[in-house]
PDB file of N, CA and C in Angstrom:
ATOM      1  N   MET A   1       4.664  24.311 -81.037  1.00  0.00           N
ATOM      2  CA  MET A   1       4.371  24.800 -79.707  1.00  0.00           C
ATOM      3  C   MET A   1       3.496  23.775 -78.999  1.00  0.00           C
ATOM      4  N   ALA A   2       3.798  23.495 -77.765  1.00  0.00           N
ATOM      5  CA  ALA A   2       3.063  22.488 -77.002  1.00  0.00           C
ATOM      6  C   ALA A   2       1.686  23.005 -76.603  1.00  0.00           C
ATOM      7  N   GLU A   3       0.745  22.102 -76.591  1.00  0.00           N
ATOM      8  CA  GLU A   3      -0.620  22.458 -76.225  1.00  0.00           C
ATOM      9  C   GLU A   3      -0.725  22.557 -74.705  1.00  0.00           C
ATOM     10  N   THR A   4      -1.362  23.605 -74.213  1.00  0.00           N
ATOM     11  CA  THR A   4      -1.530  23.779 -72.776  1.00  0.00           C
ATOM     12  C   THR A   4      -2.688  22.925 -72.272  1.00  0.00           C
ATOM     13  N   ASP A   5      -2.816  22.830 -70.962  1.00  0.00           N
ATOM     14  CA  ASP A   5      -3.926  22.079 -70.369  1.00  0.00           C
ATOM     15  C   ASP A   5      -5.266  22.689 -70.754  1.00  0.00           C
ATOM     16  N   ILE A   6      -5.335  24.003 -70.784  1.00  0.00           N
ATOM     17  CA  ILE A   6      -6.595  24.672 -71.138  1.00  0.00           C
ATOM     18  C   ILE A   6      -6.940  24.412 -72.595  1.00  0.00           C
ATOM     19  N   GLU A   7      -5.955  24.479 -73.484  1.00  0.00           N
ATOM     20  CA  GLU A   7      -6.213  24.175 -74.894  1.00  0.00           C
ATOM     21  C   GLU A   7      -6.691  22.737 -75.060  1.00  0.00           C
ATOM     22  N   SER A   8      -6.094  21.837 -74.327  1.00  0.00           N
ATOM     23  CA  SER A   8      -6.501  20.435 -74.383  1.00  0.00           C
ATOM     24  C   SER A   8      -7.931  20.268 -73.870  1.00  0.00           C
ATOM     25  N   LEU A   9      -8.279  20.980 -72.806  1.00  0.00           N
ATOM     26  CA  LEU A   9      -9.641  20.944 -72.276  1.00  0.00           C
ATOM     27  C   LEU A   9     -10.629  21.478 -73.307  1.00  0.00           C
ATOM     28  N   ILE A  10     -10.304  22.603 -73.914  1.00  0.00           N
ATOM     29  CA  ILE A  10     -11.176  23.193 -74.929  1.00  0.00           C
ATOM     30  C   ILE A  10     -11.375  22.208 -76.080  1.00  0.00           C
ATOM     31  N   ARG A  11     -10.285  21.619 -76.543  1.00  0.00           N
ATOM     32  CA  ARG A  11     -10.356  20.660 -77.653  1.00  0.00           C
ATOM     33  C   ARG A  11     -11.244  19.474 -77.292  1.00  0.00           C
ATOM     34  N   SER A  12     -11.100  18.947 -76.089  1.00  0.00           N
ATOM     35  CA  SER A  12     -11.903  17.781 -75.692  1.00  0.00           C
ATOM     36  C   SER A  12     -13.383  18.127 -75.527  1.00  0.00           C
ATOM     37  N   LEU A  13     -13.690  19.366 -75.185  1.00  0.00           N
ATOM     38  CA  LEU A  13     -15.086  19.782 -75.054  1.00  0.00           C
ATOM     39  C   LEU A  13     -15.725  20.107 -76.403  1.00  0.00           C
ATOM     40  N   VAL A  14     -14.944  20.642 -77.322  1.00  0.00           N
ATOM     41  CA  VAL A  14     -15.486  21.144 -78.585  1.00  0.00           C
ATOM     42  C   VAL A  14     -15.600  20.066 -79.659  1.00  0.00           C
ATOM     43  N   ILE A  15     -14.637  19.166 -79.759  1.00  0.00           N
ATOM     44  CA  ILE A  15     -14.621  18.175 -80.843  1.00  0.00           C
ATOM     45  C   ILE A  15     -15.920  17.374 -80.951  1.00  0.00           C
ATOM     46  N   PRO A  16     -16.522  16.901 -79.864  1.00  0.00           N
ATOM     47  CA  PRO A  16     -17.771  16.140 -80.022  1.00  0.00           C
ATOM     48  C   PRO A  16     -18.936  16.954 -80.593  1.00  0.00           C
ATOM     49  N   LEU A  17     -18.846  18.270 -80.564  1.00  0.00           N
ATOM     50  CA  LEU A  17     -19.918  19.120 -81.066  1.00  0.00           C
ATOM     51  C   LEU A  17     -19.834  19.360 -82.573  1.00  0.00           C
ATOM     52  N   LEU A  18     -18.703  19.053 -83.170  1.00  0.00           N
ATOM     53  CA  LEU A  18     -18.438  19.445 -84.553  1.00  0.00           C
ATOM     54  C   LEU A  18     -18.698  18.329 -85.562  1.00  0.00           C
ATOM     55  N   LYS A  19     -19.150  18.723 -86.742  1.00  0.00           N
ATOM     56  CA  LYS A  19     -19.285  17.779 -87.856  1.00  0.00           C
ATOM     57  C   LYS A  19     -17.965  17.665 -88.617  1.00  0.00           C
ATOM     58  N   GLN A  20     -17.138  18.712 -88.544  1.00  0.00           N
ATOM     59  CA  GLN A  20     -15.834  18.721 -89.205  1.00  0.00           C
ATOM     60  C   GLN A  20     -14.743  19.027 -88.174  1.00  0.00           C
ATOM     61  N   PRO A  21     -14.440  18.068 -87.293  1.00  0.00           N
ATOM     62  CA  PRO A  21     -13.463  18.343 -86.227  1.00  0.00           C
ATOM     63  C   PRO A  21     -12.055  18.623 -86.740  1.00  0.00           C
ATOM     64  N   GLN A  22     -11.736  18.172 -87.947  1.00  0.00           N
ATOM     65  CA  GLN A  22     -10.404  18.413 -88.497  1.00  0.00           C
ATOM     66  C   GLN A  22     -10.161  19.896 -88.782  1.00  0.00           C
ATOM     67  N   ALA A  23     -11.219  20.694 -88.875  1.00  0.00           N
ATOM     68  CA  ALA A  23     -11.086  22.128 -89.147  1.00  0.00           C
ATOM     69  C   ALA A  23     -10.850  22.944 -87.869  1.00  0.00           C
ATOM     70  N   LEU A  24     -10.898  22.305 -86.720  1.00  0.00           N
ATOM     71  CA  LEU A  24     -10.743  23.009 -85.443  1.00  0.00           C
ATOM     72  C   LEU A  24      -9.316  23.503 -85.264  1.00  0.00           C
ATOM     73  N   SER A  25      -9.191  24.774 -84.905  1.00  0.00           N
ATOM     74  CA  SER A  25      -7.898  25.312 -84.479  1.00  0.00           C
ATOM     75  C   SER A  25      -8.134  26.241 -83.296  1.00  0.00           C
ATOM     76  N   ILE A  26      -7.217  26.192 -82.365  1.00  0.00           N
ATOM     77  CA  ILE A  26      -7.300  27.013 -81.157  1.00  0.00           C
ATOM     78  C   ILE A  26      -6.042  27.865 -81.102  1.00  0.00           C
ATOM     79  N   THR A  27      -6.235  29.178 -81.077  1.00  0.00           N
ATOM     80  CA  THR A  27      -5.109  30.107 -81.069  1.00  0.00           C
ATOM     81  C   THR A  27      -5.059  30.825 -79.724  1.00  0.00           C
ATOM     82  N   PRO A  28      -4.006  30.599 -78.935  1.00  0.00           N
ATOM     83  CA  PRO A  28      -3.879  31.321 -77.672  1.00  0.00           C
ATOM     84  C   PRO A  28      -3.284  32.704 -77.893  1.00  0.00           C
ATOM     85  N   LYS A  29      -3.807  33.686 -77.191  1.00  0.00           N
ATOM     86  CA  LYS A  29      -3.288  35.058 -77.231  1.00  0.00           C
ATOM     87  C   LYS A  29      -3.211  35.546 -75.785  1.00  0.00           C
ATOM     88  N   ASP A  30      -2.118  36.170 -75.440  1.00  0.00           N
ATOM     89  CA  ASP A  30      -1.959  36.713 -74.097  1.00  0.00           C
ATOM     90  C   ASP A  30      -1.797  38.219 -74.230  1.00  0.00           C
ATOM     91  N   ASP A  31      -2.769  38.972 -73.710  1.00  0.00           N
ATOM     92  CA  ASP A  31      -2.696  40.423 -73.861  1.00  0.00           C
ATOM     93  C   ASP A  31      -2.280  41.123 -72.572  1.00  0.00           C
ATOM     94  N   GLY A  32      -1.725  40.372 -71.644  1.00  0.00           N
ATOM     95  CA  GLY A  32      -1.271  40.971 -70.401  1.00  0.00           C
ATOM     96  C   GLY A  32      -2.294  40.865 -69.286  1.00  0.00           C
ATOM     97  N   ARG A  33      -3.553  41.085 -69.615  1.00  0.00           N
ATOM     98  CA  ARG A  33      -4.600  41.005 -68.598  1.00  0.00           C
ATOM     99  C   ARG A  33      -5.350  39.676 -68.669  1.00  0.00           C
ATOM    100  N   TYR A  34      -5.528  39.164 -69.871  1.00  0.00           N
ATOM    101  CA  TYR A  34      -6.293  37.941 -70.088  1.00  0.00           C
ATOM    102  C   TYR A  34      -5.506  36.947 -70.929  1.00  0.00           C
ATOM    103  N   HIS A  35      -5.811  35.671 -70.749  1.00  0.00           N
ATOM    104  CA  HIS A  35      -5.427  34.627 -71.687  1.00  0.00           C
ATOM    105  C   HIS A  35      -6.634  34.461 -72.592  1.00  0.00           C
ATOM    106  N   ARG A  36      -6.475  34.737 -73.863  1.00  0.00           N
ATOM    107  CA  ARG A  36      -7.577  34.583 -74.816  1.00  0.00           C
ATOM    108  C   ARG A  36      -7.324  33.336 -75.654  1.00  0.00           C
ATOM    109  N   TYR A  37      -8.368  32.568 -75.855  1.00  0.00           N
ATOM    110  CA  TYR A  37      -8.301  31.393 -76.717  1.00  0.00           C
ATOM    111  C   TYR A  37      -9.332  31.593 -77.818  1.00  0.00           C
ATOM    112  N   ILE A  38      -8.851  31.721 -79.039  1.00  0.00           N
ATOM    113  CA  ILE A  38      -9.721  31.972 -80.184  1.00  0.00           C
ATOM    114  C   ILE A  38      -9.944  30.644 -80.900  1.00  0.00           C
ATOM    115  N   ILE A  39     -11.198  30.259 -81.004  1.00  0.00           N
ATOM    116  CA  ILE A  39     -11.560  28.989 -81.627  1.00  0.00           C
ATOM    117  C   ILE A  39     -12.001  29.256 -83.060  1.00  0.00           C
ATOM    118  N   ASP A  40     -11.365  28.571 -83.989  1.00  0.00           N
ATOM    119  CA  ASP A  40     -11.766  28.601 -85.396  1.00  0.00           C
ATOM    120  C   ASP A  40     -12.319  27.238 -85.755  1.00  0.00           C
ATOM    121  N   VAL A  41     -13.493  27.219 -86.352  1.00  0.00           N
ATOM    122  CA  VAL A  41     -14.107  25.980 -86.829  1.00  0.00           C
ATOM    123  C   VAL A  41     -14.619  26.219 -88.247  1.00  0.00           C
ATOM    124  N   ALA A  42     -15.068  25.157 -88.890  1.00  0.00           N
ATOM    125  CA  ALA A  42     -15.658  25.286 -90.228  1.00  0.00           C
ATOM    126  C   ALA A  42     -16.900  26.169 -90.134  1.00  0.00           C
ATOM    127  N   PRO A  43     -17.201  26.935 -91.171  1.00  0.00           N
ATOM    128  CA  PRO A  43     -18.367  27.829 -91.138  1.00  0.00           C
ATOM    129  C   PRO A  43     -19.680  27.118 -90.794  1.00  0.00           C
ATOM    130  N   ASN A  44     -19.825  25.881 -91.211  1.00  0.00           N
ATOM    131  CA  ASN A  44     -21.052  25.135 -90.908  1.00  0.00           C
ATOM    132  C   ASN A  44     -21.150  24.714 -89.444  1.00  0.00           C
ATOM    133  N   ASP A  45     -20.039  24.729 -88.727  1.00  0.00           N
ATOM    134  CA  ASP A  45     -20.032  24.308 -87.326  1.00  0.00           C
ATOM    135  C   ASP A  45     -20.150  25.463 -86.336  1.00  0.00           C
ATOM    136  N   VAL A  46     -20.074  26.688 -86.805  1.00  0.00           N
ATOM    137  CA  VAL A  46     -20.128  27.836 -85.891  1.00  0.00           C
ATOM    138  C   VAL A  46     -21.438  27.837 -85.106  1.00  0.00           C
ATOM    139  N   GLY A  47     -22.544  27.624 -85.786  1.00  0.00           N
ATOM    140  CA  GLY A  47     -23.846  27.608 -85.111  1.00  0.00           C
ATOM    141  C   GLY A  47     -23.957  26.500 -84.093  1.00  0.00           C
ATOM    142  N   ARG A  48     -23.379  25.342 -84.391  1.00  0.00           N
ATOM    143  CA  ARG A  48     -23.404  24.223 -83.445  1.00  0.00           C
ATOM    144  C   ARG A  48     -22.604  24.564 -82.191  1.00  0.00           C
ATOM    145  N   LEU A  49     -21.531  25.302 -82.367  1.00  0.00           N
ATOM    146  CA  LEU A  49     -20.681  25.673 -81.239  1.00  0.00           C
ATOM    147  C   LEU A  49     -21.320  26.771 -80.386  1.00  0.00           C
ATOM    148  N   ILE A  50     -22.033  27.677 -81.018  1.00  0.00           N
ATOM    149  CA  ILE A  50     -22.704  28.753 -80.278  1.00  0.00           C
ATOM    150  C   ILE A  50     -23.943  28.217 -79.581  1.00  0.00           C
ATOM    151  N   GLY A  51     -24.725  27.407 -80.268  1.00  0.00           N
ATOM    152  CA  GLY A  51     -25.937  26.843 -79.684  1.00  0.00           C
ATOM    153  C   GLY A  51     -27.081  27.832 -79.706  1.00  0.00           C
ATOM    154  N   ARG A  52     -28.256  27.334 -79.407  1.00  0.00           N
ATOM    155  CA  ARG A  52     -29.426  28.210 -79.380  1.00  0.00           C
ATOM    156  C   ARG A  52     -29.292  29.235 -78.272  1.00  0.00           C
ATOM    157  N   GLN A  53     -29.478  30.464 -78.638  1.00  0.00           N
ATOM    158  CA  GLN A  53     -29.386  31.611 -77.728  1.00  0.00           C
ATOM    159  C   GLN A  53     -28.050  31.647 -76.986  1.00  0.00           C
ATOM    160  N   GLY A  54     -27.017  31.032 -77.559  1.00  0.00           N
ATOM    161  CA  GLY A  54     -25.683  31.089 -76.977  1.00  0.00           C
ATOM    162  C   GLY A  54     -25.461  30.191 -75.777  1.00  0.00           C
ATOM    163  N   HIS A  55     -26.342  29.232 -75.560  1.00  0.00           N
ATOM    164  CA  HIS A  55     -26.229  28.383 -74.367  1.00  0.00           C
ATOM    165  C   HIS A  55     -25.002  27.479 -74.390  1.00  0.00           C
ATOM    166  N   VAL A  56     -24.651  26.947 -75.557  1.00  0.00           N
ATOM    167  CA  VAL A  56     -23.499  26.039 -75.624  1.00  0.00           C
ATOM    168  C   VAL A  56     -22.208  26.797 -75.341  1.00  0.00           C
ATOM    169  N   VAL A  57     -21.995  27.913 -76.013  1.00  0.00           N
ATOM    170  CA  VAL A  57     -20.764  28.669 -75.793  1.00  0.00           C
ATOM    171  C   VAL A  57     -20.712  29.223 -74.361  1.00  0.00           C
ATOM    172  N   ALA A  58     -21.837  29.573 -73.791  1.00  0.00           N
ATOM    173  CA  ALA A  58     -21.855  30.045 -72.401  1.00  0.00           C
ATOM    174  C   ALA A  58     -21.408  28.934 -71.453  1.00  0.00           C
ATOM    175  N   ALA A  59     -21.862  27.717 -71.706  1.00  0.00           N
ATOM    176  CA  ALA A  59     -21.453  26.584 -70.870  1.00  0.00           C
ATOM    177  C   ALA A  59     -19.963  26.299 -71.033  1.00  0.00           C
ATOM    178  N   LEU A  60     -19.473  26.357 -72.267  1.00  0.00           N
ATOM    179  CA  LEU A  60     -18.044  26.151 -72.515  1.00  0.00           C
ATOM    180  C   LEU A  60     -17.206  27.194 -71.777  1.00  0.00           C
ATOM    181  N   ARG A  61     -17.637  28.433 -71.848  1.00  0.00           N
ATOM    182  CA  ARG A  61     -16.904  29.504 -71.158  1.00  0.00           C
ATOM    183  C   ARG A  61     -16.889  29.293 -69.649  1.00  0.00           C
ATOM    184  N   THR A  62     -17.997  28.860 -69.098  1.00  0.00           N
ATOM    185  CA  THR A  62     -18.076  28.614 -67.658  1.00  0.00           C
ATOM    186  C   THR A  62     -17.098  27.522 -67.242  1.00  0.00           C
ATOM    187  N   ILE A  63     -17.052  26.441 -68.000  1.00  0.00           N
ATOM    188  CA  ILE A  63     -16.149  25.331 -67.675  1.00  0.00           C
ATOM    189  C   ILE A  63     -14.693  25.757 -67.789  1.00  0.00           C
ATOM    190  N   VAL A  64     -14.346  26.419 -68.878  1.00  0.00           N
ATOM    191  CA  VAL A  64     -12.952  26.807 -69.107  1.00  0.00           C
ATOM    192  C   VAL A  64     -12.501  27.852 -68.089  1.00  0.00           C
ATOM    193  N   GLU A  65     -13.342  28.843 -67.825  1.00  0.00           N
ATOM    194  CA  GLU A  65     -12.981  29.870 -66.842  1.00  0.00           C
ATOM    195  C   GLU A  65     -12.862  29.271 -65.442  1.00  0.00           C
ATOM    196  N   GLY A  66     -13.718  28.322 -65.114  1.00  0.00           N
ATOM    197  CA  GLY A  66     -13.643  27.658 -63.817  1.00  0.00           C
ATOM    198  C   GLY A  66     -12.381  26.830 -63.666  1.00  0.00           C
ATOM    199  N   ALA A  67     -11.990  26.143 -64.735  1.00  0.00           N
ATOM    200  CA  ALA A  67     -10.768  25.336 -64.694  1.00  0.00           C
ATOM    201  C   ALA A  67      -9.541  26.214 -64.525  1.00  0.00           C
ATOM    202  N   GLN A  68      -9.506  27.350 -65.190  1.00  0.00           N
ATOM    203  CA  GLN A  68      -8.360  28.249 -65.094  1.00  0.00           C
ATOM    204  C   GLN A  68      -8.298  28.932 -63.732  1.00  0.00           C
ATOM    205  N   SER A  69      -9.436  29.273 -63.164  1.00  0.00           N
ATOM    206  CA  SER A  69      -9.434  30.010 -61.896  1.00  0.00           C
ATOM    207  C   SER A  69      -8.940  29.160 -60.732  1.00  0.00           C
ATOM    208  N   ARG A  70      -8.887  27.862 -60.899  1.00  0.00           N
ATOM    209  CA  ARG A  70      -8.409  26.980 -59.836  1.00  0.00           C
ATOM    210  C   ARG A  70      -6.891  27.026 -59.713  1.00  0.00           C
ATOM    211  N   ARG A  71      -6.226  27.594 -60.708  1.00  0.00           N
ATOM    212  CA  ARG A  71      -4.769  27.689 -60.672  1.00  0.00           C
ATOM    213  C   ARG A  71      -4.350  28.912 -59.863  1.00  0.00           C
ATOM    214  N   ALA A  72      -3.268  28.791 -59.129  1.00  0.00           N
ATOM    215  CA  ALA A  72      -2.781  29.904 -58.318  1.00  0.00           C
ATOM    216  C   ALA A  72      -2.202  30.990 -59.222  1.00  0.00           C
ATOM    217  N   ASN A  73      -2.467  32.232 -58.887  1.00  0.00           N
ATOM    218  CA  ASN A  73      -1.935  33.393 -59.610  1.00  0.00           C
ATOM    219  C   ASN A  73      -2.196  33.334 -61.110  1.00  0.00           C
ATOM    220  N   SER A  74      -3.373  32.910 -61.492  1.00  0.00           N
ATOM    221  CA  SER A  74      -3.671  32.787 -62.913  1.00  0.00           C
ATOM    222  C   SER A  74      -4.434  34.004 -63.416  1.00  0.00           C
ATOM    223  N   LYS A  75      -4.214  34.307 -64.690  1.00  0.00           N
ATOM    224  CA  LYS A  75      -4.954  35.384 -65.335  1.00  0.00           C
ATOM    225  C   LYS A  75      -6.331  34.868 -65.702  1.00  0.00           C
ATOM    226  N   ARG A  76      -7.241  35.773 -65.948  1.00  0.00           N
ATOM    227  CA  ARG A  76      -8.579  35.387 -66.395  1.00  0.00           C
ATOM    228  C   ARG A  76      -8.520  34.877 -67.822  1.00  0.00           C
ATOM    229  N   VAL A  77      -9.437  34.005 -68.140  1.00  0.00           N
ATOM    230  CA  VAL A  77      -9.493  33.391 -69.464  1.00  0.00           C
ATOM    231  C   VAL A  77     -10.690  33.929 -70.221  1.00  0.00           C
ATOM    232  N   ARG A  78     -10.492  34.176 -71.509  1.00  0.00           N
ATOM    233  CA  ARG A  78     -11.581  34.566 -72.402  1.00  0.00           C
ATOM    234  C   ARG A  78     -11.611  33.565 -73.542  1.00  0.00           C
ATOM    235  N   LEU A  79     -12.768  33.015 -73.799  1.00  0.00           N
ATOM    236  CA  LEU A  79     -12.968  32.063 -74.878  1.00  0.00           C
ATOM    237  C   LEU A  79     -13.754  32.755 -75.973  1.00  0.00           C
ATOM    238  N   LEU A  80     -13.166  32.867 -77.166  1.00  0.00           N
ATOM    239  CA  LEU A  80     -13.782  33.573 -78.280  1.00  0.00           C
ATOM    240  C   LEU A  80     -13.949  32.638 -79.465  1.00  0.00           C
ATOM    241  N   ILE A  81     -15.017  32.852 -80.228  1.00  0.00           N
ATOM    242  CA  ILE A  81     -15.248  32.061 -81.437  1.00  0.00           C
ATOM    243  C   ILE A  81     -15.098  32.990 -82.626  1.00  0.00           C
ATOM    244  N   ASN A  82     -14.250  32.603 -83.544  1.00  0.00           N
ATOM    245  CA  ASN A  82     -14.042  33.372 -84.768  1.00  0.00           C
ATOM    246  C   ASN A  82     -15.173  33.014 -85.730  1.00  0.00           C
ATOM    247  N   ASP A  83     -16.088  33.934 -85.945  1.00  0.00           N
ATOM    248  CA  ASP A  83     -17.276  33.688 -86.756  1.00  0.00           C
ATOM    249  C   ASP A  83     -17.039  34.158 -88.188  1.00  0.00           C
ATOM    250  N   HIS A  84     -16.803  33.214 -89.084  1.00  0.00           N
ATOM    251  CA  HIS A  84     -16.529  33.518 -90.493  1.00  0.00           C
ATOM    252  C   HIS A  84     -17.802  33.616 -91.319  1.00  0.00           C
ATOM    253  N   ARG A  85     -18.962  33.482 -90.708  1.00  0.00           N
ATOM    254  CA  ARG A  85     -20.212  33.469 -91.461  1.00  0.00           C
ATOM    255  C   ARG A  85     -20.576  34.852 -91.977  1.00  0.00           C
ATOM    256  N   HIS A  86     -20.086  35.907 -91.357  1.00  0.00           N
ATOM    257  CA  HIS A  86     -20.479  37.262 -91.732  1.00  0.00           C
ATOM    258  C   HIS A  86     -19.471  37.903 -92.654  1.00  0.00           C
TER     259      HIS A  86
END
């Protein structure tokens, strides 16, 4: 399956944050109302992706949602991190 522009944007933003970038996977899900992108990373990289008090993931969400909203007739985007630490 071809990578979308949003997936490519997410990948380019996330890879520099990771110690194990080869473990990165992005799974798109469309539930009718939202485009969801679920990010899976190595367990040791989850904290780096979330950041202190969630600041890093909040910034990522702002960028991705802003990029998607510029498209005509686009659904809202949700960026989720699959947390395997628990």
